[in-house]
Amino acid sequence: MAYNNDKQMFAVDLSCAKCGNHISQLPFQPSGDRPVYCADCNRAFRQNNRNNNRGNFNRGPRQMFQVDLKCADCGIAITELPFQPTGDKPVYCRACLQAKRA
């Protein structure tokens, strides 16, 4: 794992909790209450998580619900939503929702 030269490294004598490889340096002081992983196992874990968490690609198409509502702000017709509205909260069109978030 590449670290900046200005980052403090701690000398350790540990084994990776996943593959058992020896670890001699870490960018943190391990506390002993959590497993420590080598750079290769950390890299593989992060890469696997990145691939699994990219939007809905691995989950298939998102279920859409057919509705007959009007936007609570502008009154435009809303015919499809990615959730089933319960009626206890206002529903906004995409443009109004983005404007509210900004």
PDB file of N, CA and C in Angstrom:
ATOM      1  N   MET A   1       0.861  -1.167   0.000  1.00  0.00           N
ATOM      2  CA  MET A   1       0.000   0.000   0.000  1.00  0.00           C
ATOM      3  C   MET A   1       0.904   1.226   0.000  1.00  0.00           C
ATOM      4  N   ALA A   2       0.632   2.163  -0.836  1.00  0.00           N
ATOM      5  CA  ALA A   2       1.457   3.368  -0.923  1.00  0.00           C
ATOM      6  C   ALA A   2       0.952   4.418   0.055  1.00  0.00           C
ATOM      7  N   TYR A   3       1.853   4.927   0.847  1.00  0.00           N
ATOM      8  CA  TYR A   3       1.517   5.975   1.805  1.00  0.00           C
ATOM      9  C   TYR A   3       2.396   7.191   1.531  1.00  0.00           C
ATOM     10  N   ASN A   4       1.883   8.354   1.885  1.00  0.00           N
ATOM     11  CA  ASN A   4       2.677   9.564   1.762  1.00  0.00           C
ATOM     12  C   ASN A   4       3.887   9.451   2.678  1.00  0.00           C
ATOM     13  N   ASN A   5       5.002   9.995   2.250  1.00  0.00           N
ATOM     14  CA  ASN A   5       6.222   9.932   3.050  1.00  0.00           C
ATOM     15  C   ASN A   5       6.092  10.710   4.349  1.00  0.00           C
ATOM     16  N   ASP A   6       5.203  11.700   4.399  1.00  0.00           N
ATOM     17  CA  ASP A   6       5.067  12.507   5.606  1.00  0.00           C
ATOM     18  C   ASP A   6       4.154  11.857   6.645  1.00  0.00           C
ATOM     19  N   LYS A   7       3.526  10.734   6.308  1.00  0.00           N
ATOM     20  CA  LYS A   7       2.654  10.051   7.247  1.00  0.00           C
ATOM     21  C   LYS A   7       3.489   9.177   8.174  1.00  0.00           C
ATOM     22  N   GLN A   8       3.206   9.273   9.441  1.00  0.00           N
ATOM     23  CA  GLN A   8       3.949   8.499  10.422  1.00  0.00           C
ATOM     24  C   GLN A   8       3.621   7.019  10.270  1.00  0.00           C
ATOM     25  N   MET A   9       4.646   6.187  10.244  1.00  0.00           N
ATOM     26  CA  MET A   9       4.475   4.743  10.159  1.00  0.00           C
ATOM     27  C   MET A   9       4.894   4.134  11.491  1.00  0.00           C
ATOM     28  N   PHE A  10       4.185   3.110  11.915  1.00  0.00           N
ATOM     29  CA  PHE A  10       4.471   2.438  13.168  1.00  0.00           C
ATOM     30  C   PHE A  10       5.051   1.063  12.879  1.00  0.00           C
ATOM     31  N   ALA A  11       6.156   0.753  13.520  1.00  0.00           N
ATOM     32  CA  ALA A  11       6.776  -0.560  13.376  1.00  0.00           C
ATOM     33  C   ALA A  11       5.984  -1.561  14.220  1.00  0.00           C
ATOM     34  N   VAL A  12       5.559  -2.648  13.578  1.00  0.00           N
ATOM     35  CA  VAL A  12       4.783  -3.687  14.259  1.00  0.00           C
ATOM     36  C   VAL A  12       5.322  -5.052  13.866  1.00  0.00           C
ATOM     37  N   ASP A  13       4.947  -6.049  14.591  1.00  0.00           N
ATOM     38  CA  ASP A  13       5.296  -7.429  14.271  1.00  0.00           C
ATOM     39  C   ASP A  13       4.006  -8.234  14.380  1.00  0.00           C
ATOM     40  N   LEU A  14       3.193  -8.188  13.294  1.00  0.00           N
ATOM     41  CA  LEU A  14       1.873  -8.801  13.294  1.00  0.00           C
ATOM     42  C   LEU A  14       1.690  -9.685  12.074  1.00  0.00           C
ATOM     43  N   SER A  15       0.640 -10.474  12.088  1.00  0.00           N
ATOM     44  CA  SER A  15       0.244 -11.272  10.935  1.00  0.00           C
ATOM     45  C   SER A  15      -1.125 -10.796  10.470  1.00  0.00           C
ATOM     46  N   CYS A  16      -1.329 -10.801   9.160  1.00  0.00           N
ATOM     47  CA  CYS A  16      -2.613 -10.420   8.581  1.00  0.00           C
ATOM     48  C   CYS A  16      -3.682 -11.384   9.082  1.00  0.00           C
ATOM     49  N   ALA A  17      -4.813 -10.839   9.520  1.00  0.00           N
ATOM     50  CA  ALA A  17      -5.897 -11.656  10.049  1.00  0.00           C
ATOM     51  C   ALA A  17      -6.573 -12.491   8.968  1.00  0.00           C
ATOM     52  N   LYS A  18      -6.358 -12.150   7.694  1.00  0.00           N
ATOM     53  CA  LYS A  18      -6.997 -12.903   6.621  1.00  0.00           C
ATOM     54  C   LYS A  18      -6.062 -13.924   5.978  1.00  0.00           C
ATOM     55  N   CYS A  19      -4.878 -13.481   5.551  1.00  0.00           N
ATOM     56  CA  CYS A  19      -3.986 -14.378   4.798  1.00  0.00           C
ATOM     57  C   CYS A  19      -2.785 -14.857   5.606  1.00  0.00           C
ATOM     58  N   GLY A  20      -2.513 -14.227   6.749  1.00  0.00           N
ATOM     59  CA  GLY A  20      -1.400 -14.649   7.584  1.00  0.00           C
ATOM     60  C   GLY A  20      -0.057 -14.048   7.227  1.00  0.00           C
ATOM     61  N   ASN A  21       0.020 -13.214   6.185  1.00  0.00           N
ATOM     62  CA  ASN A  21       1.291 -12.579   5.813  1.00  0.00           C
ATOM     63  C   ASN A  21       1.789 -11.692   6.941  1.00  0.00           C
ATOM     64  N   HIS A  22       3.113 -11.578   7.029  1.00  0.00           N
ATOM     65  CA  HIS A  22       3.730 -10.748   8.062  1.00  0.00           C
ATOM     66  C   HIS A  22       3.526  -9.270   7.736  1.00  0.00           C
ATOM     67  N   ILE A  23       3.231  -8.478   8.758  1.00  0.00           N
ATOM     68  CA  ILE A  23       3.071  -7.029   8.630  1.00  0.00           C
ATOM     69  C   ILE A  23       4.116  -6.387   9.521  1.00  0.00           C
ATOM     70  N   SER A  24       4.955  -5.535   8.937  1.00  0.00           N
ATOM     71  CA  SER A  24       6.016  -4.899   9.721  1.00  0.00           C
ATOM     72  C   SER A  24       5.787  -3.413   9.939  1.00  0.00           C
ATOM     73  N   GLN A  25       4.939  -2.793   9.118  1.00  0.00           N
ATOM     74  CA  GLN A  25       4.653  -1.364   9.262  1.00  0.00           C
ATOM     75  C   GLN A  25       3.178  -1.097   9.011  1.00  0.00           C
ATOM     76  N   LEU A  26       2.647  -0.148   9.786  1.00  0.00           N
ATOM     77  CA  LEU A  26       1.264   0.285   9.612  1.00  0.00           C
ATOM     78  C   LEU A  26       1.193   1.797   9.741  1.00  0.00           C
ATOM     79  N   PRO A  27       0.218   2.442   9.086  1.00  0.00           N
ATOM     80  CA  PRO A  27       0.061   3.891   9.200  1.00  0.00           C
ATOM     81  C   PRO A  27      -0.712   4.282  10.459  1.00  0.00           C
ATOM     82  N   PHE A  28      -0.940   3.339  11.355  1.00  0.00           N
ATOM     83  CA  PHE A  28      -1.630   3.615  12.613  1.00  0.00           C
ATOM     84  C   PHE A  28      -1.077   2.666  13.674  1.00  0.00           C
ATOM     85  N   GLN A  29      -1.296   3.036  14.905  1.00  0.00           N
ATOM     86  CA  GLN A  29      -0.886   2.174  16.014  1.00  0.00           C
ATOM     87  C   GLN A  29      -2.052   1.240  16.328  1.00  0.00           C
ATOM     88  N   PRO A  30      -1.904  -0.063  16.088  1.00  0.00           N
ATOM     89  CA  PRO A  30      -3.027  -0.963  16.359  1.00  0.00           C
ATOM     90  C   PRO A  30      -3.335  -1.033  17.849  1.00  0.00           C
ATOM     91  N   SER A  31      -4.617  -1.121  18.163  1.00  0.00           N
ATOM     92  CA  SER A  31      -5.030  -1.134  19.566  1.00  0.00           C
ATOM     93  C   SER A  31      -5.064  -2.546  20.139  1.00  0.00           C
ATOM     94  N   GLY A  32      -5.094  -3.545  19.261  1.00  0.00           N
ATOM     95  CA  GLY A  32      -5.111  -4.917  19.722  1.00  0.00           C
ATOM     96  C   GLY A  32      -6.503  -5.497  19.857  1.00  0.00           C
ATOM     97  N   ASP A  33      -7.524  -4.664  19.793  1.00  0.00           N
ATOM     98  CA  ASP A  33      -8.888  -5.180  19.947  1.00  0.00           C
ATOM     99  C   ASP A  33      -9.591  -5.433  18.617  1.00  0.00           C
ATOM    100  N   ARG A  34      -8.902  -5.156  17.498  1.00  0.00           N
ATOM    101  CA  ARG A  34      -9.479  -5.379  16.170  1.00  0.00           C
ATOM    102  C   ARG A  34      -8.463  -6.081  15.295  1.00  0.00           C
ATOM    103  N   PRO A  35      -8.931  -6.886  14.329  1.00  0.00           N
ATOM    104  CA  PRO A  35      -7.993  -7.566  13.433  1.00  0.00           C
ATOM    105  C   PRO A  35      -7.281  -6.557  12.529  1.00  0.00           C
ATOM    106  N   VAL A  36      -6.074  -6.906  12.129  1.00  0.00           N
ATOM    107  CA  VAL A  36      -5.267  -6.064  11.246  1.00  0.00           C
ATOM    108  C   VAL A  36      -5.029  -6.846   9.960  1.00  0.00           C
ATOM    109  N   TYR A  37      -5.147  -6.147   8.827  1.00  0.00           N
ATOM    110  CA  TYR A  37      -5.004  -6.795   7.532  1.00  0.00           C
ATOM    111  C   TYR A  37      -3.833  -6.199   6.759  1.00  0.00           C
ATOM    112  N   CYS A  38      -3.207  -7.015   5.926  1.00  0.00           N
ATOM    113  CA  CYS A  38      -2.084  -6.550   5.111  1.00  0.00           C
ATOM    114  C   CYS A  38      -2.602  -5.649   3.989  1.00  0.00           C
ATOM    115  N   ALA A  39      -1.692  -4.985   3.312  1.00  0.00           N
ATOM    116  CA  ALA A  39      -2.059  -4.054   2.240  1.00  0.00           C
ATOM    117  C   ALA A  39      -2.813  -4.761   1.121  1.00  0.00           C
ATOM    118  N   ASP A  40      -2.385  -5.973   0.758  1.00  0.00           N
ATOM    119  CA  ASP A  40      -3.051  -6.686  -0.332  1.00  0.00           C
ATOM    120  C   ASP A  40      -4.491  -7.057   0.030  1.00  0.00           C
ATOM    121  N   CYS A  41      -4.716  -7.526   1.257  1.00  0.00           N
ATOM    122  CA  CYS A  41      -6.068  -7.885   1.685  1.00  0.00           C
ATOM    123  C   CYS A  41      -6.946  -6.643   1.811  1.00  0.00           C
ATOM    124  N   ASN A  42      -6.380  -5.522   2.303  1.00  0.00           N
ATOM    125  CA  ASN A  42      -7.134  -4.263   2.370  1.00  0.00           C
ATOM    126  C   ASN A  42      -7.529  -3.795   0.977  1.00  0.00           C
ATOM    127  N   ARG A  43      -6.596  -3.862   0.042  1.00  0.00           N
ATOM    128  CA  ARG A  43      -6.846  -3.424  -1.329  1.00  0.00           C
ATOM    129  C   ARG A  43      -7.946  -4.284  -1.967  1.00  0.00           C
ATOM    130  N   ALA A  44      -7.869  -5.608  -1.793  1.00  0.00           N
ATOM    131  CA  ALA A  44      -8.876  -6.504  -2.360  1.00  0.00           C
ATOM    132  C   ALA A  44     -10.243  -6.239  -1.750  1.00  0.00           C
ATOM    133  N   PHE A  45     -10.301  -5.991  -0.442  1.00  0.00           N
ATOM    134  CA  PHE A  45     -11.563  -5.703   0.232  1.00  0.00           C
ATOM    135  C   PHE A  45     -12.183  -4.416  -0.307  1.00  0.00           C
ATOM    136  N   ARG A  46     -11.362  -3.362  -0.427  1.00  0.00           N
ATOM    137  CA  ARG A  46     -11.881  -2.081  -0.933  1.00  0.00           C
ATOM    138  C   ARG A  46     -12.357  -2.217  -2.373  1.00  0.00           C
ATOM    139  N   GLN A  47     -11.602  -2.921  -3.209  1.00  0.00           N
ATOM    140  CA  GLN A  47     -11.991  -3.092  -4.603  1.00  0.00           C
ATOM    141  C   GLN A  47     -13.299  -3.873  -4.707  1.00  0.00           C
ATOM    142  N   ASN A  48     -13.439  -4.911  -3.910  1.00  0.00           N
ATOM    143  CA  ASN A  48     -14.661  -5.711  -3.911  1.00  0.00           C
ATOM    144  C   ASN A  48     -15.851  -4.867  -3.451  1.00  0.00           C
ATOM    145  N   ASN A  49     -15.663  -4.038  -2.429  1.00  0.00           N
ATOM    146  CA  ASN A  49     -16.741  -3.171  -1.956  1.00  0.00           C
ATOM    147  C   ASN A  49     -17.119  -2.132  -2.993  1.00  0.00           C
ATOM    148  N   ARG A  50     -16.134  -1.567  -3.688  1.00  0.00           N
ATOM    149  CA  ARG A  50     -16.430  -0.587  -4.745  1.00  0.00           C
ATOM    150  C   ARG A  50     -17.284  -1.216  -5.830  1.00  0.00           C
ATOM    151  N   ASN A  51     -16.935  -2.442  -6.219  1.00  0.00           N
ATOM    152  CA  ASN A  51     -17.680  -3.116  -7.282  1.00  0.00           C
ATOM    153  C   ASN A  51     -19.097  -3.470  -6.840  1.00  0.00           C
ATOM    154  N   ASN A  52     -19.291  -3.779  -5.571  1.00  0.00           N
ATOM    155  CA  ASN A  52     -20.607  -4.176  -5.073  1.00  0.00           C
ATOM    156  C   ASN A  52     -21.498  -2.997  -4.740  1.00  0.00           C
ATOM    157  N   ASN A  53     -20.947  -1.803  -4.593  1.00  0.00           N
ATOM    158  CA  ASN A  53     -21.738  -0.650  -4.139  1.00  0.00           C
ATOM    159  C   ASN A  53     -21.947   0.398  -5.210  1.00  0.00           C
ATOM    160  N   ARG A  54     -21.898   0.034  -6.454  1.00  0.00           N
ATOM    161  CA  ARG A  54     -22.074   1.009  -7.523  1.00  0.00           C
ATOM    162  C   ARG A  54     -23.525   1.052  -7.964  1.00  0.00           C
ATOM    163  N   GLY A  55     -24.278   1.888  -7.317  1.00  0.00           N
ATOM    164  CA  GLY A  55     -25.676   2.074  -7.699  1.00  0.00           C
ATOM    165  C   GLY A  55     -26.463   0.788  -7.619  1.00  0.00           C
ATOM    166  N   ASN A  56     -27.324   0.577  -8.577  1.00  0.00           N
ATOM    167  CA  ASN A  56     -28.183  -0.604  -8.594  1.00  0.00           C
ATOM    168  C   ASN A  56     -27.685  -1.669  -9.552  1.00  0.00           C
ATOM    169  N   PHE A  57     -26.442  -1.572 -10.036  1.00  0.00           N
ATOM    170  CA  PHE A  57     -25.956  -2.481 -11.057  1.00  0.00           C
ATOM    171  C   PHE A  57     -26.019  -3.932 -10.623  1.00  0.00           C
ATOM    172  N   ASN A  58     -25.713  -4.218  -9.384  1.00  0.00           N
ATOM    173  CA  ASN A  58     -25.704  -5.593  -8.923  1.00  0.00           C
ATOM    174  C   ASN A  58     -27.039  -6.030  -8.340  1.00  0.00           C
ATOM    175  N   ARG A  59     -27.958  -5.121  -8.202  1.00  0.00           N
ATOM    176  CA  ARG A  59     -29.253  -5.447  -7.618  1.00  0.00           C
ATOM    177  C   ARG A  59     -30.338  -5.667  -8.661  1.00  0.00           C
ATOM    178  N   GLY A  60     -30.041  -5.429  -9.889  1.00  0.00           N
ATOM    179  CA  GLY A  60     -31.053  -5.560 -10.929  1.00  0.00           C
ATOM    180  C   GLY A  60     -31.876  -4.290 -11.032  1.00  0.00           C
ATOM    181  N   PRO A  61     -32.908  -4.304 -11.859  1.00  0.00           N
ATOM    182  CA  PRO A  61     -33.721  -3.094 -12.036  1.00  0.00           C
ATOM    183  C   PRO A  61     -34.502  -2.769 -10.760  1.00  0.00           C
ATOM    184  N   ARG A  62     -34.667  -1.495 -10.531  1.00  0.00           N
ATOM    185  CA  ARG A  62     -35.387  -1.032  -9.350  1.00  0.00           C
ATOM    186  C   ARG A  62     -36.885  -1.156  -9.580  1.00  0.00           C
ATOM    187  N   GLN A  63     -37.582  -1.612  -8.564  1.00  0.00           N
ATOM    188  CA  GLN A  63     -39.034  -1.735  -8.669  1.00  0.00           C
ATOM    189  C   GLN A  63     -39.652  -0.339  -8.682  1.00  0.00           C
ATOM    190  N   MET A  64     -40.528  -0.118  -9.627  1.00  0.00           N
ATOM    191  CA  MET A  64     -41.217   1.161  -9.731  1.00  0.00           C
ATOM    192  C   MET A  64     -42.703   0.937  -9.442  1.00  0.00           C
ATOM    193  N   PHE A  65     -43.326   1.929  -8.826  1.00  0.00           N
ATOM    194  CA  PHE A  65     -44.738   1.852  -8.463  1.00  0.00           C
ATOM    195  C   PHE A  65     -45.519   2.841  -9.312  1.00  0.00           C
ATOM    196  N   GLN A  66     -46.595   2.376  -9.917  1.00  0.00           N
ATOM    197  CA  GLN A  66     -47.471   3.227 -10.719  1.00  0.00           C
ATOM    198  C   GLN A  66     -48.413   3.966  -9.785  1.00  0.00           C
ATOM    199  N   VAL A  67     -48.428   5.294  -9.908  1.00  0.00           N
ATOM    200  CA  VAL A  67     -49.260   6.121  -9.040  1.00  0.00           C
ATOM    201  C   VAL A  67     -49.987   7.168  -9.874  1.00  0.00           C
ATOM    202  N   ASP A  68     -50.947   7.807  -9.273  1.00  0.00           N
ATOM    203  CA  ASP A  68     -51.668   8.913  -9.906  1.00  0.00           C
ATOM    204  C   ASP A  68     -51.708  10.045  -8.882  1.00  0.00           C
ATOM    205  N   LEU A  69     -50.588  10.799  -8.797  1.00  0.00           N
ATOM    206  CA  LEU A  69     -50.438  11.860  -7.797  1.00  0.00           C
ATOM    207  C   LEU A  69     -50.044  13.154  -8.464  1.00  0.00           C
ATOM    208  N   LYS A  70     -50.091  14.208  -7.694  1.00  0.00           N
ATOM    209  CA  LYS A  70     -49.603  15.514  -8.144  1.00  0.00           C
ATOM    210  C   LYS A  70     -48.497  15.952  -7.201  1.00  0.00           C
ATOM    211  N   CYS A  71     -47.488  16.633  -7.746  1.00  0.00           N
ATOM    212  CA  CYS A  71     -46.373  17.162  -6.955  1.00  0.00           C
ATOM    213  C   CYS A  71     -46.922  18.137  -5.916  1.00  0.00           C
ATOM    214  N   ALA A  72     -46.428  18.010  -4.686  1.00  0.00           N
ATOM    215  CA  ALA A  72     -46.910  18.869  -3.596  1.00  0.00           C
ATOM    216  C   ALA A  72     -46.501  20.320  -3.784  1.00  0.00           C
ATOM    217  N   ASP A  73     -45.490  20.596  -4.606  1.00  0.00           N
ATOM    218  CA  ASP A  73     -45.068  21.984  -4.841  1.00  0.00           C
ATOM    219  C   ASP A  73     -45.663  22.576  -6.112  1.00  0.00           C
ATOM    220  N   CYS A  74     -45.391  21.935  -7.243  1.00  0.00           N
ATOM    221  CA  CYS A  74     -45.776  22.552  -8.525  1.00  0.00           C
ATOM    222  C   CYS A  74     -47.050  21.984  -9.132  1.00  0.00           C
ATOM    223  N   GLY A  75     -47.540  20.858  -8.636  1.00  0.00           N
ATOM    224  CA  GLY A  75     -48.793  20.309  -9.123  1.00  0.00           C
ATOM    225  C   GLY A  75     -48.686  19.451 -10.371  1.00  0.00           C
ATOM    226  N   ILE A  76     -47.488  19.218 -10.887  1.00  0.00           N
ATOM    227  CA  ILE A  76     -47.326  18.386 -12.077  1.00  0.00           C
ATOM    228  C   ILE A  76     -47.716  16.943 -11.751  1.00  0.00           C
ATOM    229  N   ALA A  77     -48.221  16.235 -12.746  1.00  0.00           N
ATOM    230  CA  ALA A  77     -48.656  14.852 -12.548  1.00  0.00           C
ATOM    231  C   ALA A  77     -47.449  13.944 -12.330  1.00  0.00           C
ATOM    232  N   ILE A  78     -47.568  13.042 -11.359  1.00  0.00           N
ATOM    233  CA  ILE A  78     -46.546  12.031 -11.078  1.00  0.00           C
ATOM    234  C   ILE A  78     -47.203  10.685 -11.316  1.00  0.00           C
ATOM    235  N   THR A  79     -46.619   9.904 -12.224  1.00  0.00           N
ATOM    236  CA  THR A  79     -47.226   8.619 -12.575  1.00  0.00           C
ATOM    237  C   THR A  79     -46.397   7.426 -12.125  1.00  0.00           C
ATOM    238  N   GLU A  80     -45.133   7.649 -11.761  1.00  0.00           N
ATOM    239  CA  GLU A  80     -44.263   6.531 -11.387  1.00  0.00           C
ATOM    240  C   GLU A  80     -43.288   6.965 -10.299  1.00  0.00           C
ATOM    241  N   LEU A  81     -43.127   6.124  -9.278  1.00  0.00           N
ATOM    242  CA  LEU A  81     -42.214   6.414  -8.170  1.00  0.00           C
ATOM    243  C   LEU A  81     -41.391   5.175  -7.833  1.00  0.00           C
ATOM    244  N   PRO A  82     -40.190   5.370  -7.296  1.00  0.00           N
ATOM    245  CA  PRO A  82     -39.367   4.219  -6.892  1.00  0.00           C
ATOM    246  C   PRO A  82     -39.732   3.710  -5.498  1.00  0.00           C
ATOM    247  N   PHE A  83     -40.839   4.166  -4.949  1.00  0.00           N
ATOM    248  CA  PHE A  83     -41.315   3.717  -3.643  1.00  0.00           C
ATOM    249  C   PHE A  83     -42.840   3.784  -3.638  1.00  0.00           C
ATOM    250  N   GLN A  84     -43.427   3.065  -2.718  1.00  0.00           N
ATOM    251  CA  GLN A  84     -44.888   3.090  -2.573  1.00  0.00           C
ATOM    252  C   GLN A  84     -45.230   4.177  -1.560  1.00  0.00           C
ATOM    253  N   PRO A  85     -45.865   5.276  -1.982  1.00  0.00           N
ATOM    254  CA  PRO A  85     -46.181   6.347  -1.036  1.00  0.00           C
ATOM    255  C   PRO A  85     -47.229   5.880  -0.018  1.00  0.00           C
ATOM    256  N   THR A  86     -47.078   6.360   1.211  1.00  0.00           N
ATOM    257  CA  THR A  86     -47.992   5.960   2.283  1.00  0.00           C
ATOM    258  C   THR A  86     -49.101   6.976   2.498  1.00  0.00           C
ATOM    259  N   GLY A  87     -48.929   8.191   1.958  1.00  0.00           N
ATOM    260  CA  GLY A  87     -49.953   9.205   2.096  1.00  0.00           C
ATOM    261  C   GLY A  87     -49.749  10.134   3.273  1.00  0.00           C
ATOM    262  N   ASP A  88     -48.769   9.816   4.146  1.00  0.00           N
ATOM    263  CA  ASP A  88     -48.553  10.666   5.314  1.00  0.00           C
ATOM    264  C   ASP A  88     -47.493  11.744   5.076  1.00  0.00           C
ATOM    265  N   LYS A  89     -46.838  11.722   3.928  1.00  0.00           N
ATOM    266  CA  LYS A  89     -45.821  12.731   3.597  1.00  0.00           C
ATOM    267  C   LYS A  89     -46.074  13.252   2.195  1.00  0.00           C
ATOM    268  N   PRO A  90     -45.690  14.508   1.935  1.00  0.00           N
ATOM    269  CA  PRO A  90     -45.867  15.052   0.586  1.00  0.00           C
ATOM    270  C   PRO A  90     -44.944  14.355  -0.411  1.00  0.00           C
ATOM    271  N   VAL A  91     -45.373  14.282  -1.653  1.00  0.00           N
ATOM    272  CA  VAL A  91     -44.585  13.684  -2.732  1.00  0.00           C
ATOM    273  C   VAL A  91     -44.250  14.792  -3.717  1.00  0.00           C
ATOM    274  N   TYR A  92     -42.975  14.830  -4.146  1.00  0.00           N
ATOM    275  CA  TYR A  92     -42.502  15.878  -5.049  1.00  0.00           C
ATOM    276  C   TYR A  92     -42.015  15.278  -6.352  1.00  0.00           C
ATOM    277  N   CYS A  93     -42.130  16.041  -7.434  1.00  0.00           N
ATOM    278  CA  CYS A  93     -41.560  15.624  -8.707  1.00  0.00           C
ATOM    279  C   CYS A  93     -40.033  15.731  -8.599  1.00  0.00           C
ATOM    280  N   ARG A  94     -39.345  15.191  -9.564  1.00  0.00           N
ATOM    281  CA  ARG A  94     -37.879  15.175  -9.534  1.00  0.00           C
ATOM    282  C   ARG A  94     -37.290  16.583  -9.431  1.00  0.00           C
ATOM    283  N   ALA A  95     -37.809  17.511 -10.222  1.00  0.00           N
ATOM    284  CA  ALA A  95     -37.270  18.871 -10.226  1.00  0.00           C
ATOM    285  C   ALA A  95     -37.465  19.565  -8.868  1.00  0.00           C
ATOM    286  N   CYS A  96     -38.636  19.428  -8.296  1.00  0.00           N
ATOM    287  CA  CYS A  96     -38.912  20.063  -7.001  1.00  0.00           C
ATOM    288  C   CYS A  96     -38.105  19.394  -5.894  1.00  0.00           C
ATOM    289  N   LEU A  97     -37.958  18.099  -5.952  1.00  0.00           N
ATOM    290  CA  LEU A  97     -37.173  17.396  -4.941  1.00  0.00           C
ATOM    291  C   LEU A  97     -35.706  17.838  -4.985  1.00  0.00           C
ATOM    292  N   GLN A  98     -35.157  17.955  -6.195  1.00  0.00           N
ATOM    293  CA  GLN A  98     -33.772  18.423  -6.318  1.00  0.00           C
ATOM    294  C   GLN A  98     -33.637  19.860  -5.847  1.00  0.00           C
ATOM    295  N   ALA A  99     -34.607  20.689  -6.106  1.00  0.00           N
ATOM    296  CA  ALA A  99     -34.561  22.085  -5.656  1.00  0.00           C
ATOM    297  C   ALA A  99     -34.626  22.141  -4.125  1.00  0.00           C
ATOM    298  N   LYS A 100     -35.411  21.287  -3.505  1.00  0.00           N
ATOM    299  CA  LYS A 100     -35.510  21.248  -2.051  1.00  0.00           C
ATOM    300  C   LYS A 100     -34.187  20.799  -1.420  1.00  0.00           C
ATOM    301  N   ARG A 101     -33.497  19.872  -2.081  1.00  0.00           N
ATOM    302  CA  ARG A 101     -32.227  19.360  -1.557  1.00  0.00           C
ATOM    303  C   ARG A 101     -31.080  20.358  -1.701  1.00  0.00           C
ATOM    304  N   ALA A 102     -31.210  21.269  -2.635  1.00  0.00           N
ATOM    305  CA  ALA A 102     -30.115  22.227  -2.908  1.00  0.00           C
ATOM    306  C   ALA A 102     -30.091  23.367  -1.920  1.00  0.00           C
TER     307      ALA A 102
END
